[in-house]
Amino acid sequence: MLLRCFCILVLPAALAGCVATAVAGAAVAVVKAPFQVAGAAVDGLTTSQEEADRNAGKKARKEREAAEKAQKKADKAARKAADQDRDPSD
């Protein structure tokens, strides 16, 4: 009998804390959501200094590789022209 009264009186009060915590957590999530979305949008639209440096380095490396490739192609064409000048049998 005493246990039954205890369960009826004390347990609902104890569980109310759990429910209140869950409701408060949901309310905080609802309040934070617009700020998180806005922060993600700003982060996606802006470039950090690290990203800018990385992109500039990548661009410079690609330009250097393209210049090297063009130089090799020009050297190969010059060697081929020089070989044809030396060998008139072609």
PDB file of N, CA and C in Angstrom:
ATOM      1  N   MET A   1       0.814  -1.182   0.000  1.00  0.00           N
ATOM      2  CA  MET A   1       0.000   0.000   0.000  1.00  0.00           C
ATOM      3  C   MET A   1       0.868   1.261   0.000  1.00  0.00           C
ATOM      4  N   LEU A   2       1.878   1.272   0.831  1.00  0.00           N
ATOM      5  CA  LEU A   2       2.768   2.415   0.913  1.00  0.00           C
ATOM      6  C   LEU A   2       3.549   2.575  -0.399  1.00  0.00           C
ATOM      7  N   LEU A   3       3.962   1.463  -0.965  1.00  0.00           N
ATOM      8  CA  LEU A   3       4.685   1.494  -2.238  1.00  0.00           C
ATOM      9  C   LEU A   3       3.806   2.040  -3.351  1.00  0.00           C
ATOM     10  N   ARG A   4       2.546   1.653  -3.339  1.00  0.00           N
ATOM     11  CA  ARG A   4       1.614   2.114  -4.348  1.00  0.00           C
ATOM     12  C   ARG A   4       1.414   3.636  -4.242  1.00  0.00           C
ATOM     13  N   CYS A   5       1.268   4.137  -3.036  1.00  0.00           N
ATOM     14  CA  CYS A   5       1.114   5.581  -2.827  1.00  0.00           C
ATOM     15  C   CYS A   5       2.378   6.318  -3.262  1.00  0.00           C
ATOM     16  N   PHE A   6       3.504   5.738  -2.944  1.00  0.00           N
ATOM     17  CA  PHE A   6       4.779   6.334  -3.330  1.00  0.00           C
ATOM     18  C   PHE A   6       4.866   6.451  -4.855  1.00  0.00           C
ATOM     19  N   CYS A   7       4.516   5.372  -5.533  1.00  0.00           N
ATOM     20  CA  CYS A   7       4.579   5.366  -7.001  1.00  0.00           C
ATOM     21  C   CYS A   7       3.624   6.380  -7.593  1.00  0.00           C
ATOM     22  N   ILE A   8       2.461   6.509  -7.027  1.00  0.00           N
ATOM     23  CA  ILE A   8       1.459   7.425  -7.554  1.00  0.00           C
ATOM     24  C   ILE A   8       1.858   8.881  -7.313  1.00  0.00           C
ATOM     25  N   LEU A   9       2.492   9.172  -6.189  1.00  0.00           N
ATOM     26  CA  LEU A   9       2.807  10.552  -5.832  1.00  0.00           C
ATOM     27  C   LEU A   9       4.193  11.008  -6.293  1.00  0.00           C
ATOM     28  N   VAL A  10       5.183  10.174  -6.189  1.00  0.00           N
ATOM     29  CA  VAL A  10       6.567  10.599  -6.427  1.00  0.00           C
ATOM     30  C   VAL A  10       7.013  10.401  -7.877  1.00  0.00           C
ATOM     31  N   LEU A  11       6.663   9.301  -8.484  1.00  0.00           N
ATOM     32  CA  LEU A  11       7.155   9.020  -9.839  1.00  0.00           C
ATOM     33  C   LEU A  11       6.706  10.058 -10.874  1.00  0.00           C
ATOM     34  N   PRO A  12       5.461  10.507 -10.870  1.00  0.00           N
ATOM     35  CA  PRO A  12       5.104  11.532 -11.863  1.00  0.00           C
ATOM     36  C   PRO A  12       5.932  12.809 -11.693  1.00  0.00           C
ATOM     37  N   ALA A  13       6.230  13.188 -10.447  1.00  0.00           N
ATOM     38  CA  ALA A  13       7.041  14.377 -10.211  1.00  0.00           C
ATOM     39  C   ALA A  13       8.469  14.160 -10.721  1.00  0.00           C
ATOM     40  N   ALA A  14       8.981  12.964 -10.529  1.00  0.00           N
ATOM     41  CA  ALA A  14      10.330  12.658 -10.992  1.00  0.00           C
ATOM     42  C   ALA A  14      10.396  12.633 -12.518  1.00  0.00           C
ATOM     43  N   LEU A  15       9.383  12.108 -13.147  1.00  0.00           N
ATOM     44  CA  LEU A  15       9.358  12.038 -14.609  1.00  0.00           C
ATOM     45  C   LEU A  15       9.105  13.401 -15.246  1.00  0.00           C
ATOM     46  N   ALA A  16       8.507  14.304 -14.519  1.00  0.00           N
ATOM     47  CA  ALA A  16       8.244  15.637 -15.056  1.00  0.00           C
ATOM     48  C   ALA A  16       9.558  16.337 -15.407  1.00  0.00           C
ATOM     49  N   GLY A  17      10.589  16.093 -14.647  1.00  0.00           N
ATOM     50  CA  GLY A  17      11.898  16.673 -14.954  1.00  0.00           C
ATOM     51  C   GLY A  17      12.425  16.184 -16.283  1.00  0.00           C
ATOM     52  N   CYS A  18      12.238  14.916 -16.579  1.00  0.00           N
ATOM     53  CA  CYS A  18      12.680  14.357 -17.859  1.00  0.00           C
ATOM     54  C   CYS A  18      11.914  14.980 -19.010  1.00  0.00           C
ATOM     55  N   VAL A  19      10.619  15.122 -18.849  1.00  0.00           N
ATOM     56  CA  VAL A  19       9.789  15.703 -19.898  1.00  0.00           C
ATOM     57  C   VAL A  19      10.160  17.166 -20.101  1.00  0.00           C
ATOM     58  N   ALA A  20      10.364  17.893 -19.000  1.00  0.00           N
ATOM     59  CA  ALA A  20      10.728  19.306 -19.108  1.00  0.00           C
ATOM     60  C   ALA A  20      12.074  19.466 -19.802  1.00  0.00           C
ATOM     61  N   THR A  21      13.003  18.592 -19.509  1.00  0.00           N
ATOM     62  CA  THR A  21      14.314  18.649 -20.149  1.00  0.00           C
ATOM     63  C   THR A  21      14.191  18.397 -21.646  1.00  0.00           C
ATOM     64  N   ALA A  22      13.379  17.436 -22.012  1.00  0.00           N
ATOM     65  CA  ALA A  22      13.192  17.129 -23.427  1.00  0.00           C
ATOM     66  C   ALA A  22      12.540  18.300 -24.153  1.00  0.00           C
ATOM     67  N   VAL A  23      11.549  18.918 -23.524  1.00  0.00           N
ATOM     68  CA  VAL A  23      10.865  20.047 -24.140  1.00  0.00           C
ATOM     69  C   VAL A  23      11.822  21.227 -24.260  1.00  0.00           C
ATOM     70  N   ALA A  24      12.606  21.474 -23.223  1.00  0.00           N
ATOM     71  CA  ALA A  24      13.561  22.577 -23.256  1.00  0.00           C
ATOM     72  C   ALA A  24      14.618  22.340 -24.337  1.00  0.00           C
ATOM     73  N   GLY A  25      15.075  21.107 -24.453  1.00  0.00           N
ATOM     74  CA  GLY A  25      16.057  20.780 -25.495  1.00  0.00           C
ATOM     75  C   GLY A  25      15.495  21.013 -26.884  1.00  0.00           C
ATOM     76  N   ALA A  26      14.239  20.647 -27.094  1.00  0.00           N
ATOM     77  CA  ALA A  26      13.604  20.864 -28.392  1.00  0.00           C
ATOM     78  C   ALA A  26      13.446  22.354 -28.666  1.00  0.00           C
ATOM     79  N   ALA A  27      13.101  23.120 -27.635  1.00  0.00           N
ATOM     80  CA  ALA A  27      12.936  24.562 -27.808  1.00  0.00           C
ATOM     81  C   ALA A  27      14.269  25.219 -28.173  1.00  0.00           C
ATOM     82  N   VAL A  28      15.329  24.798 -27.538  1.00  0.00           N
ATOM     83  CA  VAL A  28      16.655  25.346 -27.850  1.00  0.00           C
ATOM     84  C   VAL A  28      17.034  24.996 -29.289  1.00  0.00           C
ATOM     85  N   ALA A  29      16.738  23.785 -29.706  1.00  0.00           N
ATOM     86  CA  ALA A  29      17.059  23.377 -31.074  1.00  0.00           C
ATOM     87  C   ALA A  29      16.288  24.210 -32.087  1.00  0.00           C
ATOM     88  N   VAL A  30      15.030  24.509 -31.775  1.00  0.00           N
ATOM     89  CA  VAL A  30      14.214  25.311 -32.679  1.00  0.00           C
ATOM     90  C   VAL A  30      14.758  26.734 -32.769  1.00  0.00           C
ATOM     91  N   VAL A  31      15.214  27.277 -31.659  1.00  0.00           N
ATOM     92  CA  VAL A  31      15.752  28.637 -31.648  1.00  0.00           C
ATOM     93  C   VAL A  31      17.098  28.693 -32.359  1.00  0.00           C
ATOM     94  N   LYS A  32      17.921  27.678 -32.203  1.00  0.00           N
ATOM     95  CA  LYS A  32      19.262  27.677 -32.795  1.00  0.00           C
ATOM     96  C   LYS A  32      19.250  27.389 -34.293  1.00  0.00           C
ATOM     97  N   ALA A  33      18.240  26.700 -34.780  1.00  0.00           N
ATOM     98  CA  ALA A  33      18.224  26.247 -36.171  1.00  0.00           C
ATOM     99  C   ALA A  33      18.397  27.379 -37.180  1.00  0.00           C
ATOM    100  N   PRO A  34      17.659  28.486 -37.086  1.00  0.00           N
ATOM    101  CA  PRO A  34      17.846  29.545 -38.101  1.00  0.00           C
ATOM    102  C   PRO A  34      19.263  30.117 -38.111  1.00  0.00           C
ATOM    103  N   PHE A  35      19.873  30.223 -36.933  1.00  0.00           N
ATOM    104  CA  PHE A  35      21.229  30.750 -36.864  1.00  0.00           C
ATOM    105  C   PHE A  35      22.229  29.773 -37.468  1.00  0.00           C
ATOM    106  N   GLN A  36      21.994  28.492 -37.259  1.00  0.00           N
ATOM    107  CA  GLN A  36      22.889  27.490 -37.838  1.00  0.00           C
ATOM    108  C   GLN A  36      22.772  27.486 -39.364  1.00  0.00           C
ATOM    109  N   VAL A  37      21.549  27.614 -39.859  1.00  0.00           N
ATOM    110  CA  VAL A  37      21.345  27.651 -41.310  1.00  0.00           C
ATOM    111  C   VAL A  37      22.001  28.897 -41.901  1.00  0.00           C
ATOM    112  N   ALA A  38      21.808  30.035 -41.248  1.00  0.00           N
ATOM    113  CA  ALA A  38      22.410  31.275 -41.735  1.00  0.00           C
ATOM    114  C   ALA A  38      23.939  31.187 -41.693  1.00  0.00           C
ATOM    115  N   GLY A  39      24.473  30.615 -40.640  1.00  0.00           N
ATOM    116  CA  GLY A  39      25.925  30.458 -40.537  1.00  0.00           C
ATOM    117  C   GLY A  39      26.475  29.561 -41.627  1.00  0.00           C
ATOM    118  N   ALA A  40      25.764  28.479 -41.922  1.00  0.00           N
ATOM    119  CA  ALA A  40      26.211  27.578 -42.983  1.00  0.00           C
ATOM    120  C   ALA A  40      26.157  28.274 -44.342  1.00  0.00           C
ATOM    121  N   ALA A  41      25.125  29.096 -44.554  1.00  0.00           N
ATOM    122  CA  ALA A  41      25.009  29.815 -45.826  1.00  0.00           C
ATOM    123  C   ALA A  41      26.153  30.812 -45.979  1.00  0.00           C
ATOM    124  N   VAL A  42      26.458  31.546 -44.939  1.00  0.00           N
ATOM    125  CA  VAL A  42      27.552  32.523 -44.996  1.00  0.00           C
ATOM    126  C   VAL A  42      28.876  31.804 -45.211  1.00  0.00           C
ATOM    127  N   ASP A  43      29.064  30.693 -44.519  1.00  0.00           N
ATOM    128  CA  ASP A  43      30.306  29.933 -44.670  1.00  0.00           C
ATOM    129  C   ASP A  43      30.443  29.404 -46.094  1.00  0.00           C
ATOM    130  N   GLY A  44      29.337  28.995 -46.685  1.00  0.00           N
ATOM    131  CA  GLY A  44      29.385  28.480 -48.053  1.00  0.00           C
ATOM    132  C   GLY A  44      29.641  29.554 -49.085  1.00  0.00           C
ATOM    133  N   LEU A  45      29.240  30.785 -48.789  1.00  0.00           N
ATOM    134  CA  LEU A  45      29.390  31.866 -49.755  1.00  0.00           C
ATOM    135  C   LEU A  45      30.701  32.619 -49.628  1.00  0.00           C
ATOM    136  N   THR A  46      31.390  32.467 -48.519  1.00  0.00           N
ATOM    137  CA  THR A  46      32.633  33.189 -48.312  1.00  0.00           C
ATOM    138  C   THR A  46      33.825  32.245 -48.438  1.00  0.00           C
ATOM    139  N   THR A  47      34.967  32.825 -48.706  1.00  0.00           N
ATOM    140  CA  THR A  47      36.197  32.046 -48.836  1.00  0.00           C
ATOM    141  C   THR A  47      37.153  32.481 -47.732  1.00  0.00           C
ATOM    142  N   SER A  48      37.641  31.513 -46.985  1.00  0.00           N
ATOM    143  CA  SER A  48      38.595  31.836 -45.926  1.00  0.00           C
ATOM    144  C   SER A  48      39.956  32.133 -46.550  1.00  0.00           C
ATOM    145  N   GLN A  49      40.833  32.731 -45.767  1.00  0.00           N
ATOM    146  CA  GLN A  49      42.170  33.040 -46.274  1.00  0.00           C
ATOM    147  C   GLN A  49      42.909  31.765 -46.645  1.00  0.00           C
ATOM    148  N   GLU A  50      42.720  30.712 -45.852  1.00  0.00           N
ATOM    149  CA  GLU A  50      43.368  29.425 -46.148  1.00  0.00           C
ATOM    150  C   GLU A  50      42.887  28.879 -47.491  1.00  0.00           C
ATOM    151  N   GLU A  51      41.565  28.949 -47.733  1.00  0.00           N
ATOM    152  CA  GLU A  51      41.035  28.476 -49.008  1.00  0.00           C
ATOM    153  C   GLU A  51      41.545  29.323 -50.167  1.00  0.00           C
ATOM    154  N   ALA A  52      41.614  30.634 -49.967  1.00  0.00           N
ATOM    155  CA  ALA A  52      42.113  31.515 -51.022  1.00  0.00           C
ATOM    156  C   ALA A  52      43.572  31.196 -51.344  1.00  0.00           C
ATOM    157  N   ASP A  53      44.386  30.979 -50.320  1.00  0.00           N
ATOM    158  CA  ASP A  53      45.794  30.631 -50.537  1.00  0.00           C
ATOM    159  C   ASP A  53      45.922  29.309 -51.272  1.00  0.00           C
ATOM    160  N   ARG A  54      45.116  28.336 -50.866  1.00  0.00           N
ATOM    161  CA  ARG A  54      45.165  27.018 -51.499  1.00  0.00           C
ATOM    162  C   ARG A  54      44.754  27.126 -52.972  1.00  0.00           C
ATOM    163  N   ASN A  55      43.684  27.904 -53.244  1.00  0.00           N
ATOM    164  CA  ASN A  55      43.230  28.061 -54.621  1.00  0.00           C
ATOM    165  C   ASN A  55      44.265  28.792 -55.467  1.00  0.00           C
ATOM    166  N   ALA A  56      44.900  29.807 -54.895  1.00  0.00           N
ATOM    167  CA  ALA A  56      45.933  30.548 -55.636  1.00  0.00           C
ATOM    168  C   ALA A  56      47.118  29.635 -55.944  1.00  0.00           C
ATOM    169  N   GLY A  57      47.504  28.806 -54.988  1.00  0.00           N
ATOM    170  CA  GLY A  57      48.606  27.870 -55.218  1.00  0.00           C
ATOM    171  C   GLY A  57      48.270  26.858 -56.291  1.00  0.00           C
ATOM    172  N   LYS A  58      47.037  26.377 -56.262  1.00  0.00           N
ATOM    173  CA  LYS A  58      46.602  25.407 -57.269  1.00  0.00           C
ATOM    174  C   LYS A  58      46.604  26.042 -58.661  1.00  0.00           C
ATOM    175  N   LYS A  59      46.130  27.284 -58.749  1.00  0.00           N
ATOM    176  CA  LYS A  59      46.102  27.976 -60.031  1.00  0.00           C
ATOM    177  C   LYS A  59      47.517  28.196 -60.558  1.00  0.00           C
ATOM    178  N   ALA A  60      48.420  28.628 -59.687  1.00  0.00           N
ATOM    179  CA  ALA A  60      49.808  28.861 -60.097  1.00  0.00           C
ATOM    180  C   ALA A  60      50.464  27.562 -60.554  1.00  0.00           C
ATOM    181  N   ARG A  61      50.187  26.475 -59.845  1.00  0.00           N
ATOM    182  CA  ARG A  61      50.770  25.178 -60.219  1.00  0.00           C
ATOM    183  C   ARG A  61      50.251  24.728 -61.581  1.00  0.00           C
ATOM    184  N   LYS A  62      48.961  24.903 -61.836  1.00  0.00           N
ATOM    185  CA  LYS A  62      48.401  24.501 -63.131  1.00  0.00           C
ATOM    186  C   LYS A  62      48.965  25.357 -64.263  1.00  0.00           C
ATOM    187  N   GLU A  63      49.132  26.656 -64.016  1.00  0.00           N
ATOM    188  CA  GLU A  63      49.714  27.527 -65.041  1.00  0.00           C
ATOM    189  C   GLU A  63      51.156  27.132 -65.330  1.00  0.00           C
ATOM    190  N   ARG A  64      51.913  26.803 -64.276  1.00  0.00           N
ATOM    191  CA  ARG A  64      53.306  26.395 -64.456  1.00  0.00           C
ATOM    192  C   ARG A  64      53.373  25.080 -65.246  1.00  0.00           C
ATOM    193  N   GLU A  65      52.490  24.138 -64.919  1.00  0.00           N
ATOM    194  CA  GLU A  65      52.484  22.862 -65.630  1.00  0.00           C
ATOM    195  C   GLU A  65      52.104  23.058 -67.098  1.00  0.00           C
ATOM    196  N   ALA A  66      51.147  23.947 -67.357  1.00  0.00           N
ATOM    197  CA  ALA A  66      50.756  24.219 -68.746  1.00  0.00           C
ATOM    198  C   ALA A  66      51.911  24.867 -69.514  1.00  0.00           C
ATOM    199  N   ALA A  67      52.626  25.786 -68.866  1.00  0.00           N
ATOM    200  CA  ALA A  67      53.779  26.427 -69.515  1.00  0.00           C
ATOM    201  C   ALA A  67      54.876  25.409 -69.804  1.00  0.00           C
ATOM    202  N   GLU A  68      55.128  24.513 -68.847  1.00  0.00           N
ATOM    203  CA  GLU A  68      56.143  23.472 -69.060  1.00  0.00           C
ATOM    204  C   GLU A  68      55.746  22.555 -70.212  1.00  0.00           C
ATOM    205  N   LYS A  69      54.458  22.204 -70.276  1.00  0.00           N
ATOM    206  CA  LYS A  69      53.980  21.334 -71.351  1.00  0.00           C
ATOM    207  C   LYS A  69      54.126  22.030 -72.704  1.00  0.00           C
ATOM    208  N   ALA A  70      53.786  23.309 -72.757  1.00  0.00           N
ATOM    209  CA  ALA A  70      53.922  24.061 -74.008  1.00  0.00           C
ATOM    210  C   ALA A  70      55.392  24.170 -74.407  1.00  0.00           C
ATOM    211  N   GLN A  71      56.277  24.357 -73.431  1.00  0.00           N
ATOM    212  CA  GLN A  71      57.709  24.461 -73.714  1.00  0.00           C
ATOM    213  C   GLN A  71      58.246  23.136 -74.252  1.00  0.00           C
ATOM    214  N   LYS A  72      57.822  22.023 -73.653  1.00  0.00           N
ATOM    215  CA  LYS A  72      58.261  20.709 -74.146  1.00  0.00           C
ATOM    216  C   LYS A  72      57.784  20.479 -75.577  1.00  0.00           C
ATOM    217  N   LYS A  73      56.537  20.890 -75.844  1.00  0.00           N
ATOM    218  CA  LYS A  73      55.996  20.718 -77.184  1.00  0.00           C
ATOM    219  C   LYS A  73      56.782  21.565 -78.192  1.00  0.00           C
ATOM    220  N   ALA A  74      57.115  22.786 -77.806  1.00  0.00           N
ATOM    221  CA  ALA A  74      57.893  23.666 -78.690  1.00  0.00           C
ATOM    222  C   ALA A  74      59.297  23.105 -78.902  1.00  0.00           C
ATOM    223  N   ASP A  75      59.926  22.583 -77.845  1.00  0.00           N
ATOM    224  CA  ASP A  75      61.263  21.987 -77.969  1.00  0.00           C
ATOM    225  C   ASP A  75      61.228  20.783 -78.904  1.00  0.00           C
ATOM    226  N   LYS A  76      60.184  19.972 -78.783  1.00  0.00           N
ATOM    227  CA  LYS A  76      60.059  18.784 -79.622  1.00  0.00           C
ATOM    228  C   LYS A  76      59.894  19.193 -81.093  1.00  0.00           C
ATOM    229  N   ALA A  77      59.075  20.220 -81.330  1.00  0.00           N
ATOM    230  CA  ALA A  77      58.884  20.696 -82.702  1.00  0.00           C
ATOM    231  C   ALA A  77      60.177  21.279 -83.254  1.00  0.00           C
ATOM    232  N   ALA A  78      60.950  21.970 -82.429  1.00  0.00           N
ATOM    233  CA  ALA A  78      62.222  22.553 -82.878  1.00  0.00           C
ATOM    234  C   ALA A  78      63.224  21.452 -83.204  1.00  0.00           C
ATOM    235  N   ARG A  79      63.272  20.413 -82.360  1.00  0.00           N
ATOM    236  CA  ARG A  79      64.185  19.288 -82.657  1.00  0.00           C
ATOM    237  C   ARG A  79      63.786  18.586 -83.940  1.00  0.00           C
ATOM    238  N   LYS A  80      62.487  18.417 -84.144  1.00  0.00           N
ATOM    239  CA  LYS A  80      62.015  17.752 -85.351  1.00  0.00           C
ATOM    240  C   LYS A  80      62.365  18.580 -86.591  1.00  0.00           C
ATOM    241  N   ALA A  81      62.213  19.893 -86.503  1.00  0.00           N
ATOM    242  CA  ALA A  81      62.557  20.773 -87.629  1.00  0.00           C
ATOM    243  C   ALA A  81      64.060  20.746 -87.889  1.00  0.00           C
ATOM    244  N   ALA A  82      64.856  20.724 -86.815  1.00  0.00           N
ATOM    245  CA  ALA A  82      66.311  20.668 -86.971  1.00  0.00           C
ATOM    246  C   ALA A  82      66.726  19.340 -87.580  1.00  0.00           C
ATOM    247  N   ASP A  83      66.089  18.259 -87.216  1.00  0.00           N
ATOM    248  CA  ASP A  83      66.428  16.954 -87.783  1.00  0.00           C
ATOM    249  C   ASP A  83      66.073  16.915 -89.276  1.00  0.00           C
ATOM    250  N   GLN A  84      64.978  17.524 -89.638  1.00  0.00           N
ATOM    251  CA  GLN A  84      64.578  17.531 -91.067  1.00  0.00           C
ATOM    252  C   GLN A  84      65.530  18.412 -91.879  1.00  0.00           C
ATOM    253  N   ASP A  85      66.051  19.474 -91.280  1.00  0.00           N
ATOM    254  CA  ASP A  85      66.997  20.321 -91.985  1.00  0.00           C
ATOM    255  C   ASP A  85      68.323  19.590 -92.234  1.00  0.00           C
ATOM    256  N   ARG A  86      68.747  18.758 -91.285  1.00  0.00           N
ATOM    257  CA  ARG A  86      69.998  18.026 -91.423  1.00  0.00           C
ATOM    258  C   ARG A  86      69.871  16.847 -92.366  1.00  0.00           C
ATOM    259  N   ASP A  87      68.702  16.264 -92.439  1.00  0.00           N
ATOM    260  CA  ASP A  87      68.513  15.041 -93.248  1.00  0.00           C
ATOM    261  C   ASP A  87      67.614  15.388 -94.439  1.00  0.00           C
ATOM    262  N   PRO A  88      68.192  15.761 -95.567  1.00  0.00           N
ATOM    263  CA  PRO A  88      67.376  16.165 -96.737  1.00  0.00           C
ATOM    264  C   PRO A  88      66.752  14.969 -97.459  1.00  0.00           C
ATOM    265  N   SER A  89      67.013  13.746 -97.061  1.00  0.00           N
ATOM    266  CA  SER A  89      66.472  12.587 -97.772  1.00  0.00           C
ATOM    267  C   SER A  89      64.984  12.396 -97.541  1.00  0.00           C
ATOM    268  N   ASP A  90      64.413  13.057 -96.543  1.00  0.00           N
ATOM    269  CA  ASP A  90      62.958  12.909 -96.270  1.00  0.00           C
ATOM    270  C   ASP A  90      62.130  13.525 -97.307  1.00  0.00           C
TER     271      ASP A  90
END
